[in-house]
Amino acid sequence: MFLGSLLLIIPGIIAYVAFLFTLVYIAVEDENFIASLGDSWTLTRGNWHPLFGLLLIIIVGLGLVSTILSVLASFIVNALAGPAISTLVSGVITVPFSLFVLGVTAEAFVQLRGSDTAV
């Protein structure tokens, strides 16, 4: 069972990093879905390890900090004001972290795109 899970998780991580910029190509370059998959694959080719390291640091590091802050705030606010306010506070805490991840991803796209056009 562990081996089966491993055989699904590892290719999923590889695909996630390879197709990281698919939505950027769709939104910014106005490409269709298939073309954006190909362009994202091409852009990340040869840069997979640095992108994986960057995502690992950002998602795991900021994800842990965001989750811990969100859970602590939820417990405190839930005890004082109730579950509805607790959910709102949790969202307010996680939104800046999500925006930071989006900004880092956009900067990685710009840098890779710049090095790609210089070649």
N, C-alpha and C. Protein backbone atom coordinates (compact mmCIF):
# COMPACT_ATOMS: atom_id res chain seq x y z
N MET A 1 0.83 -1.18 0.00
CA MET A 1 0.00 0.00 0.00
C MET A 1 0.88 1.25 0.00
N PHE A 2 1.97 1.24 0.75
CA PHE A 2 2.88 2.38 0.77
C PHE A 2 3.49 2.61 -0.60
N LEU A 3 3.89 1.53 -1.26
CA LEU A 3 4.49 1.65 -2.59
C LEU A 3 3.49 2.22 -3.59
N GLY A 4 2.25 1.78 -3.51
CA GLY A 4 1.23 2.31 -4.40
C GLY A 4 0.99 3.79 -4.18
N SER A 5 0.96 4.21 -2.93
CA SER A 5 0.79 5.62 -2.62
C SER A 5 1.99 6.43 -3.13
N LEU A 6 3.17 5.88 -2.96
CA LEU A 6 4.38 6.55 -3.41
C LEU A 6 4.38 6.70 -4.93
N LEU A 7 3.88 5.70 -5.63
CA LEU A 7 3.84 5.76 -7.08
C LEU A 7 2.81 6.76 -7.60
N LEU A 8 1.88 7.17 -6.76
CA LEU A 8 0.93 8.20 -7.15
C LEU A 8 1.39 9.60 -6.72
N ILE A 9 2.05 9.68 -5.57
CA ILE A 9 2.43 10.98 -5.02
C ILE A 9 3.60 11.60 -5.77
N ILE A 10 4.63 10.82 -6.03
CA ILE A 10 5.83 11.35 -6.70
C ILE A 10 5.52 11.90 -8.09
N PRO A 11 4.82 11.16 -8.96
CA PRO A 11 4.47 11.75 -10.27
C PRO A 11 3.55 12.97 -10.14
N GLY A 12 2.71 12.99 -9.12
CA GLY A 12 1.84 14.15 -8.90
C GLY A 12 2.63 15.39 -8.56
N ILE A 13 3.67 15.24 -7.75
CA ILE A 13 4.53 16.37 -7.40
C ILE A 13 5.28 16.86 -8.63
N ILE A 14 5.78 15.92 -9.42
CA ILE A 14 6.51 16.28 -10.65
C ILE A 14 5.58 17.03 -11.60
N ALA A 15 4.36 16.54 -11.76
CA ALA A 15 3.40 17.20 -12.64
C ALA A 15 3.02 18.58 -12.10
N TYR A 16 2.88 18.70 -10.80
CA TYR A 16 2.53 20.01 -10.20
C TYR A 16 3.59 21.05 -10.52
N VAL A 17 4.84 20.68 -10.35
CA VAL A 17 5.92 21.63 -10.62
C VAL A 17 6.01 21.91 -12.12
N ALA A 18 5.86 20.88 -12.95
CA ALA A 18 5.98 21.06 -14.40
C ALA A 18 4.87 21.95 -14.96
N PHE A 19 3.69 21.86 -14.39
CA PHE A 19 2.55 22.63 -14.90
C PHE A 19 2.20 23.81 -14.00
N LEU A 20 3.16 24.27 -13.23
CA LEU A 20 2.95 25.36 -12.27
C LEU A 20 2.48 26.64 -12.94
N PHE A 21 2.98 26.92 -14.13
CA PHE A 21 2.69 28.19 -14.79
C PHE A 21 1.58 28.10 -15.82
N THR A 22 0.81 27.02 -15.80
CA THR A 22 -0.27 26.84 -16.76
C THR A 22 -1.30 27.97 -16.67
N LEU A 23 -1.73 28.28 -15.45
CA LEU A 23 -2.72 29.34 -15.27
C LEU A 23 -2.17 30.71 -15.65
N VAL A 24 -0.89 30.91 -15.46
CA VAL A 24 -0.28 32.18 -15.85
C VAL A 24 -0.35 32.34 -17.37
N TYR A 25 -0.04 31.28 -18.09
CA TYR A 25 -0.11 31.34 -19.55
C TYR A 25 -1.55 31.55 -20.02
N ILE A 26 -2.51 30.94 -19.34
CA ILE A 26 -3.91 31.12 -19.73
C ILE A 26 -4.35 32.55 -19.45
N ALA A 27 -4.04 33.08 -18.27
CA ALA A 27 -4.53 34.40 -17.88
C ALA A 27 -3.77 35.54 -18.56
N VAL A 28 -2.45 35.43 -18.62
CA VAL A 28 -1.66 36.55 -19.11
C VAL A 28 -1.44 36.48 -20.62
N GLU A 29 -1.10 35.30 -21.11
CA GLU A 29 -0.78 35.15 -22.52
C GLU A 29 -2.00 34.82 -23.38
N ASP A 30 -3.16 34.60 -22.75
CA ASP A 30 -4.41 34.28 -23.44
C ASP A 30 -4.27 33.04 -24.34
N GLU A 31 -3.61 32.01 -23.80
CA GLU A 31 -3.45 30.76 -24.52
C GLU A 31 -4.56 29.79 -24.14
N ASN A 32 -4.78 28.79 -24.99
CA ASN A 32 -5.73 27.77 -24.61
C ASN A 32 -5.07 26.79 -23.64
N PHE A 33 -5.87 25.87 -23.09
CA PHE A 33 -5.38 25.00 -22.04
C PHE A 33 -4.24 24.10 -22.50
N ILE A 34 -4.37 23.51 -23.66
CA ILE A 34 -3.35 22.58 -24.17
C ILE A 34 -2.04 23.31 -24.46
N ALA A 35 -2.13 24.47 -25.09
CA ALA A 35 -0.91 25.24 -25.38
C ALA A 35 -0.24 25.69 -24.10
N SER A 36 -1.03 26.07 -23.09
CA SER A 36 -0.44 26.53 -21.83
C SER A 36 0.25 25.38 -21.10
N LEU A 37 -0.29 24.17 -21.19
CA LEU A 37 0.38 23.01 -20.59
C LEU A 37 1.76 22.80 -21.22
N GLY A 38 1.79 22.87 -22.55
CA GLY A 38 3.06 22.69 -23.25
C GLY A 38 4.07 23.77 -22.93
N ASP A 39 3.60 25.02 -22.88
CA ASP A 39 4.52 26.12 -22.58
C ASP A 39 5.02 26.06 -21.14
N SER A 40 4.16 25.68 -20.22
CA SER A 40 4.59 25.54 -18.83
C SER A 40 5.62 24.42 -18.70
N TRP A 41 5.37 23.32 -19.38
CA TRP A 41 6.31 22.20 -19.38
C TRP A 41 7.66 22.64 -19.92
N THR A 42 7.64 23.39 -21.02
CA THR A 42 8.89 23.86 -21.64
C THR A 42 9.62 24.84 -20.73
N LEU A 43 8.88 25.74 -20.11
CA LEU A 43 9.51 26.74 -19.25
C LEU A 43 10.15 26.11 -18.01
N THR A 44 9.50 25.11 -17.44
CA THR A 44 10.04 24.50 -16.22
C THR A 44 11.10 23.44 -16.52
N ARG A 45 11.20 23.01 -17.75
CA ARG A 45 12.19 21.99 -18.11
C ARG A 45 13.60 22.54 -17.85
N GLY A 46 14.38 21.78 -17.11
CA GLY A 46 15.72 22.20 -16.75
C GLY A 46 15.78 23.05 -15.49
N ASN A 47 14.64 23.47 -15.02
CA ASN A 47 14.57 24.29 -13.80
C ASN A 47 13.74 23.61 -12.73
N TRP A 48 13.54 22.32 -12.87
CA TRP A 48 12.63 21.61 -11.98
C TRP A 48 13.13 21.61 -10.54
N HIS A 49 14.40 21.31 -10.33
CA HIS A 49 14.93 21.23 -8.97
C HIS A 49 14.87 22.57 -8.23
N PRO A 50 15.28 23.68 -8.84
CA PRO A 50 15.15 24.96 -8.12
C PRO A 50 13.69 25.32 -7.83
N LEU A 51 12.80 25.05 -8.78
CA LEU A 51 11.38 25.34 -8.55
C LEU A 51 10.81 24.47 -7.44
N PHE A 52 11.18 23.20 -7.44
CA PHE A 52 10.70 22.30 -6.39
C PHE A 52 11.20 22.76 -5.03
N GLY A 53 12.47 23.14 -4.94
CA GLY A 53 13.02 23.64 -3.68
C GLY A 53 12.32 24.91 -3.22
N LEU A 54 12.07 25.81 -4.16
CA LEU A 54 11.37 27.05 -3.83
C LEU A 54 9.96 26.76 -3.32
N LEU A 55 9.24 25.90 -4.02
CA LEU A 55 7.88 25.56 -3.59
C LEU A 55 7.88 24.82 -2.26
N LEU A 56 8.85 23.97 -2.08
CA LEU A 56 8.94 23.22 -0.82
C LEU A 56 9.15 24.17 0.36
N ILE A 57 10.06 25.11 0.19
CA ILE A 57 10.32 26.08 1.26
C ILE A 57 9.09 26.95 1.51
N ILE A 58 8.51 27.43 0.44
CA ILE A 58 7.37 28.35 0.59
C ILE A 58 6.14 27.63 1.11
N ILE A 59 5.76 26.55 0.47
CA ILE A 59 4.51 25.88 0.84
C ILE A 59 4.62 25.23 2.20
N VAL A 60 5.71 24.52 2.45
CA VAL A 60 5.84 23.86 3.74
C VAL A 60 6.09 24.89 4.84
N GLY A 61 7.03 25.78 4.61
CA GLY A 61 7.36 26.77 5.63
C GLY A 61 6.22 27.70 5.95
N LEU A 62 5.72 28.38 4.94
CA LEU A 62 4.62 29.31 5.16
C LEU A 62 3.32 28.58 5.49
N GLY A 63 3.16 27.40 4.93
CA GLY A 63 1.95 26.61 5.23
C GLY A 63 1.89 26.23 6.70
N LEU A 64 3.03 25.83 7.26
CA LEU A 64 3.05 25.49 8.67
C LEU A 64 2.79 26.72 9.55
N VAL A 65 3.43 27.82 9.23
CA VAL A 65 3.24 29.04 10.01
C VAL A 65 1.79 29.50 9.92
N SER A 66 1.25 29.51 8.71
CA SER A 66 -0.13 29.94 8.51
C SER A 66 -1.11 29.02 9.24
N THR A 67 -0.88 27.73 9.16
CA THR A 67 -1.77 26.77 9.82
C THR A 67 -1.71 26.92 11.34
N ILE A 68 -0.52 27.04 11.88
CA ILE A 68 -0.38 27.18 13.33
C ILE A 68 -1.05 28.46 13.82
N LEU A 69 -0.79 29.58 13.12
CA LEU A 69 -1.43 30.84 13.51
C LEU A 69 -2.94 30.77 13.36
N SER A 70 -3.40 30.14 12.31
CA SER A 70 -4.83 30.03 12.07
C SER A 70 -5.52 29.18 13.13
N VAL A 71 -4.90 28.06 13.48
CA VAL A 71 -5.49 27.17 14.49
C VAL A 71 -5.50 27.85 15.86
N LEU A 72 -4.40 28.48 16.22
CA LEU A 72 -4.36 29.18 17.51
C LEU A 72 -5.40 30.30 17.58
N ALA A 73 -5.48 31.08 16.52
CA ALA A 73 -6.47 32.16 16.50
C ALA A 73 -7.88 31.61 16.52
N SER A 74 -8.10 30.50 15.82
CA SER A 74 -9.44 29.91 15.80
C SER A 74 -9.86 29.44 17.19
N PHE A 75 -8.95 28.80 17.91
CA PHE A 75 -9.28 28.36 19.26
C PHE A 75 -9.60 29.54 20.17
N ILE A 76 -8.78 30.57 20.10
CA ILE A 76 -8.97 31.72 20.97
C ILE A 76 -10.27 32.46 20.61
N VAL A 77 -10.45 32.74 19.32
CA VAL A 77 -11.63 33.49 18.91
C VAL A 77 -12.90 32.66 19.06
N ASN A 78 -12.80 31.35 18.81
CA ASN A 78 -13.97 30.48 18.96
C ASN A 78 -14.46 30.49 20.40
N ALA A 79 -13.52 30.50 21.33
CA ALA A 79 -13.91 30.52 22.74
C ALA A 79 -14.52 31.87 23.13
N LEU A 80 -14.07 32.93 22.50
CA LEU A 80 -14.55 34.27 22.86
C LEU A 80 -15.77 34.73 22.06
N ALA A 81 -15.79 34.47 20.75
CA ALA A 81 -16.82 35.07 19.90
C ALA A 81 -17.68 34.08 19.13
N GLY A 82 -17.25 32.84 19.00
CA GLY A 82 -18.06 31.86 18.27
C GLY A 82 -17.40 31.40 16.98
N PRO A 83 -17.98 30.37 16.38
CA PRO A 83 -17.36 29.75 15.20
C PRO A 83 -17.38 30.62 13.95
N ALA A 84 -18.38 31.45 13.77
CA ALA A 84 -18.44 32.27 12.56
C ALA A 84 -17.29 33.28 12.53
N ILE A 85 -17.05 33.93 13.62
CA ILE A 85 -15.96 34.90 13.70
C ILE A 85 -14.62 34.17 13.63
N SER A 86 -14.57 32.97 14.18
CA SER A 86 -13.35 32.16 14.14
C SER A 86 -12.97 31.84 12.69
N THR A 87 -13.94 31.50 11.87
CA THR A 87 -13.68 31.21 10.46
C THR A 87 -13.20 32.46 9.74
N LEU A 88 -13.79 33.59 10.04
CA LEU A 88 -13.37 34.85 9.44
C LEU A 88 -11.93 35.19 9.81
N VAL A 89 -11.59 35.04 11.06
CA VAL A 89 -10.23 35.33 11.51
C VAL A 89 -9.23 34.39 10.86
N SER A 90 -9.60 33.13 10.74
CA SER A 90 -8.73 32.15 10.08
C SER A 90 -8.48 32.54 8.62
N GLY A 91 -9.51 32.99 7.95
CA GLY A 91 -9.35 33.43 6.57
C GLY A 91 -8.48 34.67 6.45
N VAL A 92 -8.66 35.60 7.36
CA VAL A 92 -7.87 36.83 7.35
C VAL A 92 -6.39 36.51 7.57
N ILE A 93 -6.10 35.49 8.36
CA ILE A 93 -4.72 35.12 8.62
C ILE A 93 -4.10 34.43 7.41
N THR A 94 -4.85 33.57 6.73
CA THR A 94 -4.28 32.80 5.62
C THR A 94 -4.19 33.55 4.31
N VAL A 95 -5.00 34.57 4.09
CA VAL A 95 -4.98 35.30 2.82
C VAL A 95 -3.62 35.95 2.53
N PRO A 96 -2.97 36.63 3.47
CA PRO A 96 -1.66 37.21 3.14
C PRO A 96 -0.61 36.15 2.75
N PHE A 97 -0.66 34.99 3.37
CA PHE A 97 0.28 33.94 3.01
C PHE A 97 0.01 33.44 1.59
N SER A 98 -1.26 33.32 1.23
CA SER A 98 -1.62 32.89 -0.12
C SER A 98 -1.18 33.92 -1.16
N LEU A 99 -1.35 35.18 -0.84
CA LEU A 99 -0.91 36.23 -1.76
C LEU A 99 0.61 36.25 -1.91
N PHE A 100 1.32 35.96 -0.84
CA PHE A 100 2.78 35.89 -0.91
C PHE A 100 3.22 34.74 -1.83
N VAL A 101 2.58 33.58 -1.69
CA VAL A 101 2.90 32.44 -2.56
C VAL A 101 2.61 32.80 -4.02
N LEU A 102 1.51 33.47 -4.27
CA LEU A 102 1.17 33.90 -5.63
C LEU A 102 2.22 34.87 -6.17
N GLY A 103 2.66 35.79 -5.34
CA GLY A 103 3.69 36.75 -5.76
C GLY A 103 5.02 36.08 -6.06
N VAL A 104 5.41 35.13 -5.24
CA VAL A 104 6.67 34.41 -5.48
C VAL A 104 6.57 33.59 -6.76
N THR A 105 5.43 32.98 -6.99
CA THR A 105 5.23 32.20 -8.21
C THR A 105 5.29 33.12 -9.44
N ALA A 106 4.68 34.28 -9.36
CA ALA A 106 4.71 35.24 -10.47
C ALA A 106 6.14 35.72 -10.73
N GLU A 107 6.89 35.98 -9.67
CA GLU A 107 8.29 36.42 -9.85
C GLU A 107 9.13 35.31 -10.46
N ALA A 108 8.89 34.07 -10.04
CA ALA A 108 9.62 32.94 -10.65
C ALA A 108 9.29 32.84 -12.13
N PHE A 109 8.03 33.06 -12.49
CA PHE A 109 7.64 33.04 -13.90
C PHE A 109 8.38 34.12 -14.68
N VAL A 110 8.41 35.33 -14.13
CA VAL A 110 9.07 36.44 -14.82
C VAL A 110 10.56 36.16 -14.99
N GLN A 111 11.20 35.65 -13.94
CA GLN A 111 12.64 35.36 -14.04
C GLN A 111 12.93 34.24 -15.02
N LEU A 112 12.14 33.17 -14.99
CA LEU A 112 12.35 32.08 -15.94
C LEU A 112 12.05 32.55 -17.36
N ARG A 113 11.03 33.34 -17.51
CA ARG A 113 10.66 33.83 -18.82
C ARG A 113 11.75 34.75 -19.37
N GLY A 114 12.35 35.55 -18.48
CA GLY A 114 13.43 36.44 -18.89
C GLY A 114 14.67 35.67 -19.33
N SER A 115 15.00 34.60 -18.58
CA SER A 115 16.16 33.78 -18.95
C SER A 115 15.86 32.95 -20.18
N ASP A 116 14.57 32.63 -20.40
CA ASP A 116 14.17 31.85 -21.55
C ASP A 116 14.27 32.68 -22.84
N THR A 117 13.90 33.96 -22.77
CA THR A 117 13.95 34.81 -23.97
C THR A 117 15.37 35.27 -24.26
N ALA A 118 16.24 35.28 -23.25
CA ALA A 118 17.62 35.71 -23.47
C ALA A 118 18.44 34.65 -24.19
N VAL A 119 17.96 33.41 -24.18
CA VAL A 119 18.70 32.32 -24.82
C VAL A 119 18.51 32.28 -26.28
